[in-house]
Amino acid sequence: IRPPLEHGWNWQSRAGSTIFKHSEDGHDKESGNLDEVHKDNVEDDYDDEKDDDSNVSDDSDDELLSDEFDSDTSQKSHDTRKKSRWFKKFFESLESLTVEEINEPARQWHCPACQGGPGAIDWYRGLQPLMTHAKTKGSKRVKLHRELAELLDEELRRRGTSVIPAGEVFGKWKGLKDTEKDHEIVWPPMVIIMNTRLDKDENDKWTGMGNQELLEYFSSYAAVRARHSYGPQGHRGMSVLIFESSAGGYLEAERLHKHFAEQGTDRDSWNNSNRRVLFHAGGKRQLYGFMALKEDLDVFNQHCHGKTKQKFEMRSYHEMVVNQIRQMSEDNQQLIYLKNRVVKEQRHSKALEATFSIVSEKLRETMEENRIVKQRTKMQHEQNKEEMDFQEQLFKDQIRIIHEARDEKEENFEKLQQQEREKVKQSIANPKNTEDYKLRAEEIAKFITVQDKEMEEFVAARDRLIKFHGEKMDAMRRRHWEEEVELEKGFDAELTQLMEKYSTHITEVAADSV
């Protein structure tokens, strides 16, 4: 706990105090040694308050507020409440400061609710720590601190400011107001041209510039029409250039207005008789110009009636110029985007055309190569067919010869058997006697029986041999067809791989071209 001051709290004599003592110009006389002596922040204050509250005498809110806060504070006015003996000097000091001075982050404050008690000598750098202290003060003088917080908040609100919330950075700059400033302008945009009359005619009437002459004189500013004001005395020397009813027209009129201002022949110069120069050496008249206001056109139309009056209306500057310029900017951005997109699409289209041309050429070459391959394949097939036909015919001839030789052998075999039988029959043609005849007849019958039996065995064996040969021929043909099918399948697979290879190659060439 900090020791008490030697001469008591002595609020009036506290050097550097920004609450109870100020210089004549309203600024506090802060010195560098204050920061060295008082380096306590708000968090240290809270710790000190906890320690002090445990040792301080029991000053209850009821005792402190018994004299001045015996009635409901809500029924008292703000001014009455802040004139309490606790807060009077604090708010008098606050009222002597400007808003900027109040919000200075480096300004230090004492808590008026802590005077005469623990925490009275503590400094709070800025109003935010003081407000936080008043709103969060613990056990002692709670109502008094809450009263301070409420009064300080209301006072700052009436002064048009507020305590900067905790965590916000104290700003060093002040920008524009939230709402954009708008004003009414003459529409369509017009520029008043003064001193446009020339001389008097024979009727003692003033003459001056013509419409076309005025437009040509300011041809570089894209005005669309020109008019002149006439009165009882003729040309009044007052003309108007009318521009297009668009933001672009307004900018052209404003550019002309600035040109006049830059060379010192604007509205101010015209209205100032000391600066106004109507003639130059040689008799040339000096023209003056400025953006038209409603008052200017009222003067212009002073002697006009009905349809001869120059029509105009007052419109919002934001609506007619700012919003249109923003829209033009957005449209321009969109146009640039679309142009870039068109250029990109054109490049892409050209790349596609080039790729298509390359792919088409590759396809044409491939088709031509395929045609040649097909033609060669067909020719090779025909040659192979001729060779196969020739080989087939050769083999068929060989087989035919074999078959014919076989048939001939069978015929010879049958003839041989018949000859043998005939020989046996002829051997008994002239028998010597009956017994001999019978014996030879028996031998012949036996021979025929044996021969028939052998022939039956031969036929059966021949049938088996033919059947076995047929089975082997069928197996051989089956193997042949299976091999032919396998060959066709293998050829089809190899052809498919070949086509996929060259299709992938063409696709890669097309991708590289893009």
Protein backbone atom coordinates (compact mmCIF):
# COMPACT_ATOMS: atom_id res chain seq x y z
CA ILE A 1 0.00 0.00 0.00
CA ARG A 2 1.38 3.40 -0.98
CA PRO A 3 2.07 5.73 2.02
CA PRO A 4 -0.28 8.75 2.39
CA LEU A 5 0.90 12.14 1.21
CA GLU A 6 2.83 14.24 3.69
CA HIS A 7 0.25 17.07 3.70
CA GLY A 8 -2.84 14.96 3.20
CA TRP A 9 -4.48 14.49 -0.20
CA ASN A 10 -4.20 18.24 -1.04
CA TRP A 11 -6.04 17.94 -4.39
CA GLN A 12 -5.60 21.59 -5.34
CA SER A 13 -1.80 21.48 -5.15
CA ARG A 14 -1.23 18.25 -7.11
CA ALA A 15 1.34 19.16 -9.77
CA GLY A 16 0.39 17.90 -13.20
CA SER A 17 -3.18 17.13 -12.20
CA THR A 18 -5.41 17.49 -15.23
CA ILE A 19 -8.58 17.32 -13.20
CA PHE A 20 -8.30 20.16 -10.68
CA LYS A 21 -5.63 22.48 -12.07
CA HIS A 22 -5.16 23.72 -15.65
CA SER A 23 -3.21 26.41 -17.40
CA GLU A 24 -4.98 29.51 -18.67
CA ASP A 25 -5.31 28.13 -22.20
CA GLY A 26 -7.10 24.98 -20.97
CA HIS A 27 -4.17 22.61 -21.51
CA ASP A 28 -2.63 20.63 -18.69
CA LYS A 29 1.02 21.17 -17.82
CA GLU A 30 2.19 17.61 -18.08
CA SER A 31 5.88 16.97 -17.51
CA GLY A 32 8.11 14.06 -18.26
CA ASN A 33 8.62 13.15 -14.62
CA LEU A 34 4.94 12.19 -14.26
CA ASP A 35 5.45 9.08 -16.32
CA GLU A 36 8.47 8.14 -14.21
CA VAL A 37 6.70 8.62 -10.90
CA HIS A 38 3.27 7.23 -11.86
CA LYS A 39 3.69 4.14 -14.02
CA ASP A 40 0.73 2.30 -12.59
CA ASN A 41 -1.83 1.10 -15.09
CA VAL A 42 -5.46 0.22 -14.53
CA GLU A 43 -4.72 -3.40 -13.71
CA ASP A 44 -2.31 -2.31 -10.94
CA ASP A 45 -5.02 -0.02 -9.61
CA TYR A 46 -7.42 -2.95 -9.30
CA ASP A 47 -4.83 -4.91 -7.30
CA ASP A 48 -4.17 -1.93 -5.05
CA GLU A 49 -7.87 -1.42 -4.48
CA LYS A 50 -8.26 -5.01 -3.33
CA ASP A 51 -5.43 -4.55 -0.84
CA ASP A 52 -6.62 -1.13 0.30
CA ASP A 53 -10.21 -2.26 0.78
CA SER A 54 -9.11 -4.82 3.30
CA ASN A 55 -7.49 -2.18 5.55
CA VAL A 56 -9.61 0.96 5.02
CA SER A 57 -12.27 2.09 7.45
CA ASP A 58 -15.79 1.01 6.59
CA ASP A 59 -17.03 3.99 4.55
CA SER A 60 -20.42 2.81 3.35
CA ASP A 61 -22.25 4.34 0.38
CA ASP A 62 -25.12 5.30 2.66
CA GLU A 63 -22.85 7.47 4.84
CA LEU A 64 -21.10 9.10 1.86
CA LEU A 65 -24.33 9.85 0.05
CA SER A 66 -26.49 10.65 3.09
CA ASP A 67 -26.32 14.42 2.64
CA GLU A 68 -26.75 14.74 -1.12
CA PHE A 69 -28.23 11.49 -2.44
CA ASP A 70 -31.03 10.83 -0.03
CA SER A 71 -33.67 10.88 -2.77
CA ASP A 72 -33.96 8.86 -5.96
CA THR A 73 -31.16 9.98 -8.31
CA SER A 74 -33.35 9.36 -11.35
CA GLN A 75 -35.58 12.24 -10.21
CA LYS A 76 -32.67 14.71 -10.18
CA SER A 77 -31.36 16.52 -13.20
CA HIS A 78 -27.98 15.69 -14.69
CA ASP A 79 -26.63 19.16 -13.85
CA THR A 80 -27.73 18.86 -10.21
CA ARG A 81 -26.11 15.45 -9.80
CA LYS A 82 -22.75 16.49 -11.26
CA LYS A 83 -22.56 19.47 -8.85
CA SER A 84 -22.19 17.08 -5.93
CA ARG A 85 -19.22 17.86 -3.70
CA TRP A 86 -17.65 14.63 -4.99
CA PHE A 87 -17.86 15.47 -8.70
CA LYS A 88 -18.16 19.27 -8.92
CA LYS A 89 -14.47 20.08 -9.46
CA PHE A 90 -14.04 17.10 -11.78
CA PHE A 91 -16.83 18.20 -14.14
CA GLU A 92 -15.80 21.87 -13.92
CA SER A 93 -12.35 20.79 -15.09
CA LEU A 94 -13.95 18.61 -17.80
CA GLU A 95 -16.08 21.51 -19.09
CA SER A 96 -12.98 23.67 -19.55
CA LEU A 97 -11.55 21.22 -22.09
CA THR A 98 -12.44 20.81 -25.77
CA VAL A 99 -13.63 17.49 -27.17
CA GLU A 100 -10.22 16.88 -28.74
CA GLU A 101 -8.47 17.56 -25.44
CA ILE A 102 -10.85 15.27 -23.55
CA ASN A 103 -10.13 12.41 -25.96
CA GLU A 104 -6.35 12.79 -25.83
CA PRO A 105 -5.02 9.30 -24.97
CA ALA A 106 -2.05 10.71 -23.02
CA ARG A 107 -4.18 12.88 -20.68
CA GLN A 108 -4.17 11.56 -17.08
CA TRP A 109 -7.06 11.62 -14.62
CA HIS A 110 -7.72 11.03 -10.93
CA CYS A 111 -10.91 9.30 -9.80
CA PRO A 112 -13.08 11.85 -7.92
CA ALA A 113 -15.04 9.04 -6.26
CA CYS A 114 -11.82 7.79 -4.61
CA GLN A 115 -10.80 11.16 -3.11
CA GLY A 116 -9.96 10.98 0.56
CA GLY A 117 -9.56 7.24 0.38
CA PRO A 118 -7.50 4.42 -1.15
CA GLY A 119 -6.74 4.92 -4.84
CA ALA A 120 -7.08 8.70 -4.65
CA ILE A 121 -3.56 9.33 -5.97
CA ASP A 122 -3.81 6.78 -8.78
CA TRP A 123 -3.61 8.08 -12.33
CA TYR A 124 -5.75 6.86 -15.23
CA ARG A 125 -4.33 7.51 -18.67
CA GLY A 126 -7.35 8.43 -20.79
CA LEU A 127 -11.05 8.37 -19.92
CA GLN A 128 -11.53 4.73 -20.89
CA PRO A 129 -9.51 3.31 -17.94
CA LEU A 130 -11.29 5.77 -15.61
CA MET A 131 -14.70 4.69 -16.95
CA THR A 132 -13.75 1.02 -16.59
CA HIS A 133 -12.63 1.66 -13.02
CA ALA A 134 -15.91 3.44 -12.18
CA LYS A 135 -18.01 0.63 -13.70
CA THR A 136 -16.09 -2.24 -12.13
CA LYS A 137 -15.17 -0.84 -8.69
CA GLY A 138 -15.65 -3.51 -6.06
CA SER A 139 -16.57 -3.51 -2.39
CA LYS A 140 -16.20 0.17 -1.35
CA ARG A 141 -18.09 3.22 -2.66
CA VAL A 142 -19.80 1.13 -5.31
CA LYS A 143 -22.83 3.39 -5.75
CA LEU A 144 -20.61 6.49 -5.84
CA HIS A 145 -18.48 4.96 -8.64
CA ARG A 146 -21.54 3.85 -10.59
CA GLU A 147 -22.93 7.37 -10.24
CA LEU A 148 -19.65 8.74 -11.65
CA ALA A 149 -19.79 6.31 -14.60
CA GLU A 150 -23.38 7.29 -15.39
CA LEU A 151 -22.74 11.04 -15.13
CA LEU A 152 -19.52 10.83 -17.18
CA ASP A 153 -21.23 8.84 -19.93
CA GLU A 154 -24.14 11.30 -20.11
CA GLU A 155 -21.79 14.32 -20.06
CA LEU A 156 -19.71 12.95 -22.92
CA ARG A 157 -22.87 12.17 -24.87
CA ARG A 158 -24.04 15.76 -24.50
CA ARG A 159 -20.63 16.98 -25.64
CA GLY A 160 -21.00 14.91 -28.81
CA THR A 161 -18.40 12.30 -27.99
CA SER A 162 -18.05 9.07 -26.05
CA VAL A 163 -15.51 6.97 -24.27
CA ILE A 164 -13.61 4.87 -26.79
CA PRO A 165 -14.48 1.20 -26.05
CA ALA A 166 -11.75 -1.01 -24.64
CA GLY A 167 -9.66 -2.61 -27.35
CA GLU A 168 -10.15 0.18 -29.90
CA VAL A 169 -7.11 2.06 -31.09
CA PHE A 170 -7.21 5.80 -30.44
CA GLY A 171 -7.53 7.45 -33.84
CA LYS A 172 -5.27 10.27 -34.93
CA TRP A 173 -7.21 11.33 -37.98
CA LYS A 174 -10.69 12.52 -38.76
CA GLY A 175 -12.20 11.69 -42.13
CA LEU A 176 -15.24 12.86 -44.03
CA LYS A 177 -18.76 12.71 -42.69
CA ASP A 178 -20.66 9.49 -43.21
CA THR A 179 -23.08 10.98 -45.71
CA GLU A 180 -21.73 12.19 -49.03
CA LYS A 181 -22.45 15.81 -49.79
CA ASP A 182 -24.84 16.30 -52.68
CA HIS A 183 -26.11 19.39 -54.44
CA GLU A 184 -28.45 20.27 -57.25
CA ILE A 185 -27.16 21.13 -60.71
CA VAL A 186 -28.71 22.56 -63.85
CA TRP A 187 -29.73 19.83 -66.28
CA PRO A 188 -28.86 19.52 -69.10
CA PRO A 189 -25.36 20.83 -68.30
CA MET A 190 -24.81 24.43 -69.52
CA VAL A 191 -22.00 26.97 -69.50
CA ILE A 192 -22.84 30.66 -69.44
CA ILE A 193 -20.72 32.75 -71.83
CA MET A 194 -20.68 36.48 -71.04
CA ASN A 195 -19.69 39.55 -73.10
CA THR A 196 -20.86 38.05 -76.39
CA ARG A 197 -22.51 41.15 -77.85
CA LEU A 198 -20.68 43.09 -80.51
CA ASP A 199 -22.17 46.42 -81.67
CA LYS A 200 -25.42 48.30 -82.31
CA ASP A 201 -27.22 48.16 -85.62
CA GLU A 202 -29.06 50.90 -87.50
CA ASN A 203 -32.07 50.45 -85.19
CA ASP A 204 -29.90 51.12 -82.15
CA LYS A 205 -30.21 47.45 -81.11
CA TRP A 206 -27.34 45.38 -79.85
CA THR A 207 -26.05 42.54 -82.01
CA GLY A 208 -23.68 39.77 -81.01
CA MET A 209 -22.45 36.28 -81.66
CA GLY A 210 -24.56 33.84 -83.63
CA ASN A 211 -25.35 30.29 -82.51
CA GLN A 212 -23.09 28.58 -85.04
CA GLU A 213 -20.33 31.08 -84.45
CA LEU A 214 -20.39 30.36 -80.70
CA LEU A 215 -20.37 26.58 -81.27
CA GLU A 216 -17.43 26.83 -83.66
CA TYR A 217 -15.54 29.07 -81.26
CA PHE A 218 -15.74 26.36 -78.58
CA SER A 219 -15.77 23.37 -80.95
CA SER A 220 -13.20 21.46 -78.89
CA TYR A 221 -15.69 21.11 -76.00
CA ALA A 222 -18.46 19.10 -77.74
CA ALA A 223 -21.38 21.41 -77.00
CA VAL A 224 -24.55 20.36 -78.82
CA ARG A 225 -26.42 23.69 -78.99
CA ALA A 226 -25.95 27.40 -78.36
CA ARG A 227 -28.45 30.11 -77.47
CA HIS A 228 -28.33 33.83 -76.79
CA SER A 229 -30.40 36.02 -74.52
CA TYR A 230 -32.27 38.94 -76.09
CA GLY A 231 -34.10 41.82 -74.51
CA PRO A 232 -35.72 45.10 -75.50
CA GLN A 233 -32.30 46.47 -76.43
CA GLY A 234 -31.38 43.44 -78.54
CA HIS A 235 -28.52 41.07 -77.74
CA ARG A 236 -27.86 41.15 -74.00
CA GLY A 237 -24.28 39.83 -74.26
CA MET A 238 -25.27 36.69 -72.41
CA SER A 239 -25.11 33.31 -74.16
CA VAL A 240 -25.30 29.69 -73.13
CA LEU A 241 -23.61 26.56 -74.45
CA ILE A 242 -25.80 23.51 -73.94
CA PHE A 243 -24.13 20.11 -73.55
CA GLU A 244 -25.34 16.54 -73.84
CA SER A 245 -27.66 15.34 -71.07
CA SER A 246 -25.19 12.81 -69.72
CA ALA A 247 -22.29 12.53 -67.32
CA GLY A 248 -19.97 12.93 -70.30
CA GLY A 249 -21.70 16.16 -71.26
CA TYR A 250 -21.36 17.44 -67.70
CA LEU A 251 -17.64 16.64 -67.68
CA GLU A 252 -17.20 18.53 -70.96
CA ALA A 253 -19.03 21.55 -69.51
CA GLU A 254 -16.95 21.33 -66.33
CA ARG A 255 -13.76 21.13 -68.40
CA LEU A 256 -14.71 24.38 -70.19
CA HIS A 257 -15.60 25.96 -66.84
CA LYS A 258 -12.15 25.05 -65.46
CA HIS A 259 -10.47 26.41 -68.57
CA PHE A 260 -12.08 29.79 -67.97
CA ALA A 261 -11.10 29.60 -64.28
CA GLU A 262 -7.47 28.78 -65.09
CA GLN A 263 -7.07 31.87 -67.29
CA GLY A 264 -8.90 34.10 -64.78
CA THR A 265 -12.07 34.70 -66.79
CA ASP A 266 -14.55 32.84 -64.57
CA ARG A 267 -17.58 33.92 -62.55
CA ASP A 268 -15.56 35.65 -59.82
CA SER A 269 -13.70 37.75 -62.37
CA TRP A 270 -16.92 38.69 -64.17
CA ASN A 271 -18.65 39.68 -60.93
CA ASN A 272 -15.64 41.70 -59.77
CA SER A 273 -15.73 45.01 -61.63
CA ASN A 274 -12.12 45.70 -60.70
CA ARG A 275 -10.94 42.50 -62.34
CA ARG A 276 -13.34 42.50 -65.28
CA VAL A 277 -11.69 43.33 -68.62
CA LEU A 278 -14.20 43.71 -71.46
CA PHE A 279 -11.83 44.75 -74.22
CA HIS A 280 -8.27 43.99 -75.22
CA ALA A 281 -5.95 45.92 -77.46
CA GLY A 282 -7.36 46.01 -80.97
CA GLY A 283 -10.96 46.08 -79.79
CA LYS A 284 -11.31 42.34 -79.17
CA ARG A 285 -13.85 41.45 -76.49
CA GLN A 286 -12.82 39.15 -73.68
CA LEU A 287 -15.25 36.28 -73.16
CA TYR A 288 -16.05 35.04 -69.67
CA GLY A 289 -17.56 31.64 -68.82
CA PHE A 290 -18.76 29.57 -65.92
CA MET A 291 -21.09 26.68 -65.09
CA ALA A 292 -24.74 27.74 -65.21
CA LEU A 293 -26.71 28.03 -62.00
CA LYS A 294 -30.47 28.38 -61.61
CA GLU A 295 -30.08 32.09 -60.95
CA ASP A 296 -28.10 32.52 -64.19
CA LEU A 297 -30.84 30.90 -66.27
CA ASP A 298 -33.51 32.92 -64.53
CA VAL A 299 -31.62 36.03 -65.67
CA PHE A 300 -31.17 34.48 -69.13
CA ASN A 301 -34.93 33.88 -69.43
CA GLN A 302 -35.85 37.28 -68.01
CA HIS A 303 -37.24 38.62 -71.29
CA CYS A 304 -38.33 35.26 -72.73
CA HIS A 305 -41.89 34.01 -72.71
CA GLY A 306 -43.49 30.64 -73.38
CA LYS A 307 -41.56 28.36 -75.69
CA THR A 308 -38.75 30.86 -76.14
CA LYS A 309 -37.53 30.24 -72.59
CA GLN A 310 -34.51 28.03 -72.18
CA LYS A 311 -35.87 24.90 -70.53
CA PHE A 312 -33.94 23.27 -67.72
CA GLU A 313 -34.46 21.41 -64.47
CA MET A 314 -32.57 21.05 -61.23
CA ARG A 315 -31.31 17.54 -60.64
CA SER A 316 -29.16 15.76 -58.06
CA TYR A 317 -25.44 15.86 -58.85
CA HIS A 318 -25.03 12.35 -57.46
CA GLU A 319 -27.91 10.98 -59.48
CA MET A 320 -27.00 12.58 -62.82
CA VAL A 321 -23.20 12.65 -62.69
CA VAL A 322 -21.62 10.55 -59.93
CA ASN A 323 -23.89 7.53 -60.39
CA GLN A 324 -23.61 7.74 -64.18
CA ILE A 325 -19.81 7.94 -63.99
CA ARG A 326 -19.77 4.94 -61.68
CA GLN A 327 -22.07 3.11 -64.06
CA MET A 328 -19.87 4.13 -66.99
CA SER A 329 -16.84 2.85 -65.08
CA GLU A 330 -18.57 -0.44 -64.36
CA ASP A 331 -19.70 -0.67 -68.00
CA ASN A 332 -16.17 0.13 -69.12
CA GLN A 333 -14.78 -2.58 -66.87
CA GLN A 334 -17.37 -4.98 -68.24
CA LEU A 335 -16.51 -3.89 -71.78
CA ILE A 336 -12.80 -4.44 -71.14
CA TYR A 337 -13.60 -7.82 -69.67
CA LEU A 338 -15.74 -8.74 -72.66
CA LYS A 339 -13.10 -7.48 -75.09
CA ASN A 340 -10.44 -9.52 -73.34
CA ARG A 341 -12.78 -12.47 -73.37
CA VAL A 342 -13.45 -12.00 -77.10
CA VAL A 343 -9.70 -11.80 -77.76
CA LYS A 344 -9.17 -14.93 -75.70
CA GLU A 345 -12.02 -16.67 -77.54
CA GLN A 346 -10.56 -15.58 -80.86
CA ARG A 347 -7.14 -16.92 -79.91
CA HIS A 348 -8.77 -20.11 -78.74
CA SER A 349 -10.77 -20.30 -81.97
CA LYS A 350 -7.63 -19.80 -84.04
CA ALA A 351 -5.86 -22.46 -82.04
CA LEU A 352 -8.81 -24.79 -82.59
CA GLU A 353 -8.78 -24.00 -86.31
CA ALA A 354 -5.07 -24.71 -86.49
CA THR A 355 -5.55 -27.90 -84.49
CA PHE A 356 -8.49 -28.91 -86.65
CA SER A 357 -6.41 -28.29 -89.77
CA ILE A 358 -3.55 -30.39 -88.37
CA VAL A 359 -5.87 -33.16 -87.25
CA SER A 360 -7.70 -33.08 -90.58
CA GLU A 361 -4.41 -33.34 -92.45
CA LYS A 362 -3.32 -36.19 -90.20
CA LEU A 363 -6.68 -37.86 -90.70
CA ARG A 364 -6.42 -37.45 -94.47
CA GLU A 365 -2.92 -38.92 -94.44
CA THR A 366 -4.08 -41.75 -92.20
CA MET A 367 -7.06 -42.46 -94.43
CA GLU A 368 -4.78 -42.48 -97.46
CA GLU A 369 -2.36 -44.80 -95.70
CA ASN A 370 -5.26 -47.04 -94.68
CA ARG A 371 -6.52 -47.08 -98.25
CA ILE A 372 -3.08 -48.08 -99.48
CA VAL A 373 -2.78 -50.71 -96.75
CA LYS A 374 -6.24 -52.06 -97.58
CA GLN A 375 -5.39 -52.15 -101.25
CA ARG A 376 -2.12 -53.93 -100.56
CA THR A 377 -3.87 -56.25 -98.13
CA LYS A 378 -6.50 -57.03 -100.73
CA MET A 379 -3.86 -57.72 -103.33
CA GLN A 380 -1.94 -59.85 -100.87
CA HIS A 381 -5.15 -61.63 -99.97
CA GLU A 382 -5.89 -62.31 -103.59
CA GLN A 383 -2.36 -63.57 -104.11
CA ASN A 384 -2.64 -65.70 -101.00
CA LYS A 385 -6.03 -66.92 -102.17
CA GLU A 386 -4.58 -67.86 -105.52
CA GLU A 387 -1.72 -69.66 -103.81
CA MET A 388 -4.12 -71.31 -101.40
CA ASP A 389 -6.39 -72.31 -104.25
CA PHE A 390 -3.39 -73.65 -106.08
CA GLN A 391 -2.20 -75.52 -102.99
CA GLU A 392 -5.72 -76.75 -102.37
CA GLN A 393 -6.04 -77.96 -105.91
CA LEU A 394 -2.63 -79.59 -105.66
CA PHE A 395 -3.56 -81.38 -102.48
CA LYS A 396 -6.95 -82.32 -103.91
CA ASP A 397 -5.22 -83.75 -106.97
CA GLN A 398 -2.88 -85.73 -104.76
CA ILE A 399 -5.78 -86.97 -102.68
CA ARG A 400 -7.72 -87.80 -105.84
CA ILE A 401 -4.77 -89.76 -107.17
CA ILE A 402 -4.50 -91.58 -103.83
CA HIS A 403 -8.23 -92.30 -103.92
CA GLU A 404 -8.05 -93.53 -107.50
CA ALA A 405 -5.05 -95.72 -106.70
CA ARG A 406 -6.87 -97.06 -103.70
CA ASP A 407 -9.96 -97.79 -105.70
CA GLU A 408 -7.82 -99.48 -108.28
CA LYS A 409 -6.14 -101.61 -105.62
CA GLU A 410 -9.52 -102.65 -104.25
CA GLU A 411 -10.70 -103.56 -107.71
CA ASN A 412 -7.55 -105.61 -108.34
CA PHE A 413 -7.99 -107.24 -104.95
CA GLU A 414 -11.57 -108.21 -105.79
CA LYS A 415 -10.51 -109.45 -109.22
CA LEU A 416 -7.73 -111.50 -107.63
CA GLN A 417 -10.22 -113.15 -105.28
CA GLN A 418 -12.58 -113.87 -108.12
CA GLN A 419 -9.74 -115.28 -110.19
CA GLU A 420 -8.74 -117.55 -107.34
CA ARG A 421 -12.29 -118.77 -107.04
CA GLU A 422 -12.52 -119.33 -110.80
CA LYS A 423 -9.31 -121.31 -110.72
CA VAL A 424 -10.71 -123.54 -108.00
CA LYS A 425 -13.94 -124.02 -109.96
CA GLN A 426 -12.06 -124.89 -113.17
CA SER A 427 -10.00 -127.49 -111.31
CA ILE A 428 -13.07 -129.77 -111.06
CA ALA A 429 -14.26 -129.25 -114.56
CA ASN A 430 -13.01 -132.74 -115.75
CA PRO A 431 -13.13 -134.99 -112.77
CA LYS A 432 -11.74 -138.53 -113.23
CA ASN A 433 -14.51 -140.20 -111.34
CA THR A 434 -17.34 -139.48 -109.04
CA GLU A 435 -15.34 -139.60 -105.87
CA ASP A 436 -12.82 -137.27 -107.26
CA TYR A 437 -15.61 -134.93 -108.24
CA LYS A 438 -17.11 -135.05 -104.76
CA LEU A 439 -13.74 -134.55 -103.16
CA ARG A 440 -12.95 -131.55 -105.32
CA ALA A 441 -16.48 -130.20 -104.83
CA GLU A 442 -15.98 -130.40 -101.09
CA GLU A 443 -12.61 -128.66 -101.39
CA ILE A 444 -14.19 -125.95 -103.52
CA ALA A 445 -17.03 -125.50 -101.02
CA LYS A 446 -14.51 -125.40 -98.22
CA PHE A 447 -12.40 -122.85 -100.15
CA ILE A 448 -15.43 -120.69 -100.87
CA THR A 449 -16.48 -120.87 -97.23
CA VAL A 450 -13.01 -119.90 -96.06
CA GLN A 451 -12.82 -117.19 -98.72
CA ASP A 452 -16.22 -115.78 -97.77
CA LYS A 453 -15.25 -115.79 -94.15
CA GLU A 454 -11.99 -114.02 -94.94
CA MET A 455 -13.84 -111.50 -97.10
CA GLU A 456 -16.26 -110.82 -94.26
CA GLU A 457 -13.32 -110.27 -91.95
CA PHE A 458 -11.69 -108.08 -94.60
CA VAL A 459 -14.83 -105.98 -95.05
CA ALA A 460 -15.22 -105.59 -91.29
CA ALA A 461 -11.56 -104.60 -90.92
CA ARG A 462 -11.88 -102.26 -93.90
CA ASP A 463 -14.94 -100.57 -92.35
CA ARG A 464 -13.07 -100.10 -89.10
CA LEU A 465 -10.12 -98.69 -90.95
CA ILE A 466 -12.37 -96.28 -92.92
CA LYS A 467 -14.10 -95.18 -89.71
CA PHE A 468 -10.78 -94.60 -87.91
CA HIS A 469 -9.47 -92.68 -90.92
CA GLY A 470 -12.63 -90.53 -90.93
CA GLU A 471 -12.22 -89.78 -87.25
CA LYS A 472 -8.61 -88.74 -87.79
CA MET A 473 -9.67 -86.55 -90.72
CA ASP A 474 -12.38 -84.92 -88.60
CA ALA A 475 -9.89 -84.28 -85.78
CA MET A 476 -7.42 -82.85 -88.24
CA ARG A 477 -10.08 -80.52 -89.71
CA ARG A 478 -11.17 -79.47 -86.22
CA ARG A 479 -7.58 -78.62 -85.30
CA HIS A 480 -7.27 -76.71 -88.53
CA TRP A 481 -10.38 -74.62 -87.90
CA GLU A 482 -9.36 -73.98 -84.31
CA GLU A 483 -5.93 -72.83 -85.44
CA GLU A 484 -7.56 -70.65 -88.10
CA VAL A 485 -9.89 -69.09 -85.51
CA GLU A 486 -6.94 -68.44 -83.17
CA LEU A 487 -5.01 -66.88 -86.02
CA GLU A 488 -7.96 -64.61 -86.85
CA LYS A 489 -8.32 -63.60 -83.18
CA GLY A 490 -4.61 -62.85 -82.90
CA PHE A 491 -4.73 -60.79 -86.08
CA ASP A 492 -7.77 -58.87 -84.79
CA ALA A 493 -6.02 -58.09 -81.45
CA GLU A 494 -2.85 -56.88 -83.18
CA LEU A 495 -4.89 -54.72 -85.56
CA THR A 496 -6.79 -53.18 -82.63
CA GLN A 497 -3.54 -52.30 -80.83
CA LEU A 498 -2.21 -50.76 -84.01
CA MET A 499 -5.31 -48.57 -84.45
CA GLU A 500 -5.23 -47.49 -80.75
CA LYS A 501 -1.56 -46.60 -81.09
CA TYR A 502 -2.11 -44.29 -84.03
CA SER A 503 -5.37 -42.84 -82.56
CA THR A 504 -3.45 -41.87 -79.40
CA HIS A 505 -0.68 -40.36 -81.51
CA ILE A 506 -3.17 -38.19 -83.43
CA THR A 507 -4.79 -37.05 -80.15
CA GLU A 508 -1.39 -36.08 -78.70
CA VAL A 509 -0.55 -34.10 -81.84
CA ALA A 510 -3.88 -32.26 -81.58
CA ALA A 511 -3.31 -31.48 -77.88
CA ASP A 512 0.20 -30.17 -78.55
CA SER A 513 -1.17 -27.92 -81.29
CA VAL A 514 -3.71 -26.36 -78.90
